[in-house]
N, C-alpha and C. Protein backbone atom coordinates (compact mmCIF):
# COMPACT_ATOMS: atom_id res chain seq x y z
N MET A 1 0.77 -1.27 -0.05
CA MET A 1 0.06 0.05 0.11
C MET A 1 1.10 1.15 0.15
N ASN A 2 0.43 1.98 -0.91
CA ASN A 2 1.10 3.69 -0.93
C ASN A 2 0.11 4.52 -0.03
N PHE A 3 1.08 5.84 0.06
CA PHE A 3 0.42 6.74 0.96
C PHE A 3 0.84 8.17 0.35
N ASN A 4 0.51 8.65 -0.32
CA ASN A 4 0.62 10.21 -0.75
C ASN A 4 0.08 10.90 -0.30
N LYS A 5 0.47 11.87 0.63
CA LYS A 5 -0.33 13.29 1.15
C LYS A 5 0.74 14.13 1.74
N ALA A 6 0.34 15.69 1.30
CA ALA A 6 1.35 16.57 2.19
C ALA A 6 0.45 17.76 2.57
N ILE A 7 0.60 18.68 3.91
CA ILE A 7 0.15 19.18 4.62
C ILE A 7 1.18 20.10 5.12
N ILE A 8 1.06 21.39 4.25
CA ILE A 8 1.75 22.61 4.56
C ILE A 8 1.17 23.69 5.16
N ALA A 9 1.30 24.18 6.25
CA ALA A 9 0.93 25.43 6.99
C ALA A 9 2.18 26.46 6.97
N GLY A 10 2.07 27.53 6.31
CA GLY A 10 2.97 29.04 6.30
C GLY A 10 2.86 30.05 5.59
N ARG A 11 3.46 30.68 5.33
CA ARG A 11 3.05 32.11 4.53
C ARG A 11 3.73 32.18 3.06
N LEU A 12 2.68 32.93 2.29
CA LEU A 12 2.94 32.58 0.80
C LEU A 12 4.50 33.69 0.53
N THR A 13 5.41 33.35 -0.13
CA THR A 13 6.47 34.37 -0.27
C THR A 13 6.46 34.87 -1.45
N ASN A 14 5.49 34.95 -2.07
CA ASN A 14 5.18 35.74 -3.54
C ASN A 14 3.49 35.47 -3.66
N ASP A 15 3.31 36.72 -4.74
CA ASP A 15 1.87 36.75 -5.30
C ASP A 15 1.58 35.55 -5.98
N PRO A 16 0.32 34.78 -5.94
CA PRO A 16 0.16 33.67 -6.99
C PRO A 16 -0.06 34.01 -8.34
N ASP A 17 0.90 33.15 -8.71
CA ASP A 17 0.62 33.69 -10.28
C ASP A 17 -0.44 32.28 -11.08
N ARG A 18 -1.70 33.16 -11.73
CA ARG A 18 -2.57 32.87 -12.26
C ARG A 18 -2.32 32.90 -14.10
N ARG A 19 -2.67 31.52 -14.35
CA ARG A 19 -2.44 31.07 -15.83
C ARG A 19 -3.25 30.40 -16.23
N SER A 20 -3.53 30.12 -17.49
CA SER A 20 -4.22 28.99 -18.37
C SER A 20 -3.79 28.13 -18.80
N LEU A 21 -4.07 26.80 -18.68
CA LEU A 21 -3.18 25.57 -19.61
C LEU A 21 -4.10 25.76 -21.16
N PRO A 22 -3.33 25.07 -22.03
CA PRO A 22 -4.77 25.41 -23.35
C PRO A 22 -5.32 24.79 -23.50
N SER A 23 -5.87 23.80 -23.03
CA SER A 23 -7.66 23.53 -22.58
C SER A 23 -8.27 24.33 -22.23
N GLY A 24 -7.84 25.78 -21.48
CA GLY A 24 -8.51 26.85 -20.91
C GLY A 24 -8.58 26.84 -19.10
N ASP A 25 -8.21 25.24 -18.99
CA ASP A 25 -8.23 25.30 -17.52
C ASP A 25 -7.74 25.96 -16.75
N PRO A 26 -7.93 26.76 -15.17
CA PRO A 26 -6.92 27.44 -14.41
C PRO A 26 -6.12 26.97 -14.28
N VAL A 27 -4.60 27.63 -13.62
CA VAL A 27 -3.60 26.93 -12.74
C VAL A 27 -2.60 28.31 -12.36
N THR A 28 -2.55 27.91 -10.77
CA THR A 28 -1.96 29.20 -9.70
C THR A 28 -0.75 28.60 -9.43
N SER A 29 0.29 28.91 -9.33
CA SER A 29 1.00 28.90 -8.70
C SER A 29 1.80 29.60 -7.58
N PHE A 30 2.45 29.13 -6.66
CA PHE A 30 3.01 30.28 -5.45
C PHE A 30 4.29 29.64 -4.91
N SER A 31 5.02 30.21 -3.95
CA SER A 31 5.81 29.46 -3.10
C SER A 31 5.51 29.79 -1.74
N MET A 32 6.14 29.20 -0.61
CA MET A 32 5.39 29.26 0.87
C MET A 32 6.29 28.78 1.23
N ALA A 33 6.72 29.54 2.48
CA ALA A 33 7.59 29.33 3.50
C ALA A 33 7.29 28.63 5.15
N THR A 34 8.18 27.84 5.25
CA THR A 34 7.55 27.35 6.90
C THR A 34 8.69 27.49 7.72
N ASN A 35 8.34 27.50 8.77
CA ASN A 35 9.71 27.86 9.46
C ASN A 35 9.47 26.83 11.06
N ARG A 36 10.52 26.59 11.48
CA ARG A 36 10.56 25.38 12.34
C ARG A 36 11.64 26.00 13.75
N TYR A 37 11.24 25.93 14.45
CA TYR A 37 11.89 26.53 15.60
C TYR A 37 12.80 25.54 16.90
N TYR A 38 13.84 25.43 17.22
CA TYR A 38 14.07 24.54 18.23
C TYR A 38 15.99 25.04 18.79
N THR A 39 15.95 24.43 20.03
CA THR A 39 17.02 24.88 20.73
C THR A 39 18.12 23.79 20.91
N THR A 40 19.03 24.03 20.40
CA THR A 40 20.48 23.33 20.80
C THR A 40 21.50 23.84 21.50
N GLN A 41 21.91 23.27 22.08
CA GLN A 41 23.35 23.29 23.00
C GLN A 41 22.38 25.10 23.90
N GLY A 42 21.53 25.15 24.08
CA GLY A 42 21.17 26.44 24.78
C GLY A 42 20.72 27.46 23.61
N GLN A 43 21.12 27.16 22.51
CA GLN A 43 21.11 28.34 21.34
C GLN A 43 19.57 28.20 21.12
N LYS A 44 18.93 29.14 20.40
CA LYS A 44 17.94 29.26 19.85
C LYS A 44 18.26 28.99 18.44
N LYS A 45 17.28 28.35 17.87
CA LYS A 45 17.41 28.07 16.16
C LYS A 45 16.34 28.12 15.35
N GLU A 46 16.30 28.63 14.04
CA GLU A 46 15.17 28.48 13.22
C GLU A 46 15.86 27.96 11.88
N ASP A 47 15.14 26.95 11.27
CA ASP A 47 14.85 26.80 10.12
C ASP A 47 13.90 27.43 9.03
N VAL A 48 14.31 27.48 8.05
CA VAL A 48 13.02 27.76 6.99
C VAL A 48 13.25 26.81 5.79
N GLU A 49 12.38 26.21 4.91
CA GLU A 49 12.02 25.79 4.10
C GLU A 49 11.03 26.54 3.59
N PHE A 50 11.24 26.43 1.89
CA PHE A 50 10.71 26.64 0.98
C PHE A 50 9.77 25.53 -0.04
N HIS A 51 8.49 25.94 -0.20
CA HIS A 51 7.69 24.79 -1.00
C HIS A 51 6.59 25.41 -2.38
N ASN A 52 7.26 24.90 -3.64
CA ASN A 52 6.48 25.05 -4.54
C ASN A 52 5.23 24.41 -4.65
N VAL A 53 3.83 25.67 -4.40
CA VAL A 53 2.58 25.05 -4.52
C VAL A 53 1.85 25.13 -6.13
N VAL A 54 1.33 24.23 -6.78
CA VAL A 54 0.87 24.43 -7.86
C VAL A 54 -0.78 23.88 -7.94
N MET A 55 -1.54 24.87 -8.05
CA MET A 55 -3.15 24.40 -7.97
C MET A 55 -3.65 24.17 -9.67
N PHE A 56 -5.01 23.57 -9.63
CA PHE A 56 -5.69 23.47 -10.75
C PHE A 56 -7.01 23.53 -10.66
N GLY A 57 -7.89 23.85 -11.70
CA GLY A 57 -9.18 23.99 -11.44
C GLY A 57 -9.87 25.07 -10.17
N LYS A 58 -10.67 24.81 -10.02
CA LYS A 58 -11.62 25.70 -9.03
C LYS A 58 -10.87 26.14 -7.74
N MET A 59 -9.95 25.37 -7.37
CA MET A 59 -9.03 25.76 -6.06
C MET A 59 -8.00 26.77 -6.42
N ALA A 60 -7.45 26.73 -8.04
CA ALA A 60 -6.96 27.65 -8.64
C ALA A 60 -7.56 28.98 -8.44
N GLU A 61 -8.18 28.96 -8.87
CA GLU A 61 -9.24 30.47 -9.27
C GLU A 61 -9.42 31.10 -8.04
N ILE A 62 -9.74 29.80 -6.44
CA ILE A 62 -10.30 30.98 -5.59
C ILE A 62 -8.48 31.42 -4.57
N ALA A 63 -8.07 30.24 -5.16
CA ALA A 63 -6.15 30.77 -4.24
C ALA A 63 -5.86 32.15 -5.03
N ALA A 64 -6.06 32.35 -6.14
CA ALA A 64 -5.45 33.58 -7.07
C ALA A 64 -6.40 34.60 -6.16
N GLN A 65 -7.83 34.45 -6.23
CA GLN A 65 -8.53 35.38 -5.66
C GLN A 65 -8.24 35.83 -3.96
N TYR A 66 -8.12 35.15 -3.28
CA TYR A 66 -7.84 35.48 -2.14
C TYR A 66 -6.22 35.49 -1.53
N LEU A 67 -5.56 34.77 -1.83
CA LEU A 67 -4.18 34.65 -1.61
C LEU A 67 -3.61 35.77 -1.90
N LYS A 68 -2.32 36.28 -1.08
CA LYS A 68 -1.43 37.42 -1.55
C LYS A 68 -0.29 36.95 -1.03
N LYS A 69 0.83 37.88 -1.19
CA LYS A 69 2.20 37.49 -0.37
C LYS A 69 2.12 37.86 1.17
N GLY A 70 2.73 37.04 1.71
CA GLY A 70 2.15 37.11 3.15
C GLY A 70 1.39 36.67 3.71
N SER A 71 0.25 35.96 3.12
CA SER A 71 -0.77 35.41 3.81
C SER A 71 -0.35 33.93 4.07
N ILE A 72 -1.24 33.68 5.30
CA ILE A 72 -1.01 32.42 5.98
C ILE A 72 -2.35 31.32 5.19
N ALA A 73 -1.41 30.52 4.88
CA ALA A 73 -2.14 29.54 4.36
C ALA A 73 -1.95 27.87 4.69
N LEU A 74 -2.99 27.30 4.42
CA LEU A 74 -2.98 25.84 5.05
C LEU A 74 -3.41 24.91 3.72
N ILE A 75 -2.24 24.26 3.24
CA ILE A 75 -2.63 23.52 1.98
C ILE A 75 -2.67 22.13 2.18
N GLU A 76 -3.44 21.35 1.66
CA GLU A 76 -3.46 19.78 1.69
C GLU A 76 -3.34 19.47 0.53
N GLY A 77 -2.79 18.58 0.07
CA GLY A 77 -2.88 17.98 -1.26
C GLY A 77 -2.14 16.66 -1.45
N ARG A 78 -1.60 16.40 -2.60
CA ARG A 78 -0.39 15.38 -3.08
C ARG A 78 0.52 15.76 -3.78
């Protein structure tokens, strides 16, 4: 059995880029940053990871309409 699921909660690092496929279906892409804070040897540290997100169809339209750079978003997908 295989399992493919991703859940990302973070902030958008740029405004969503909305475009259309040759078939006319909408596509929206943007990047997100997620932070992780931890302490090691008494020092407080932070790691940042960047994620590229691509959405299709109705969700692409909604993301392009409501999200902007700096928005906090919870993305669930595969």
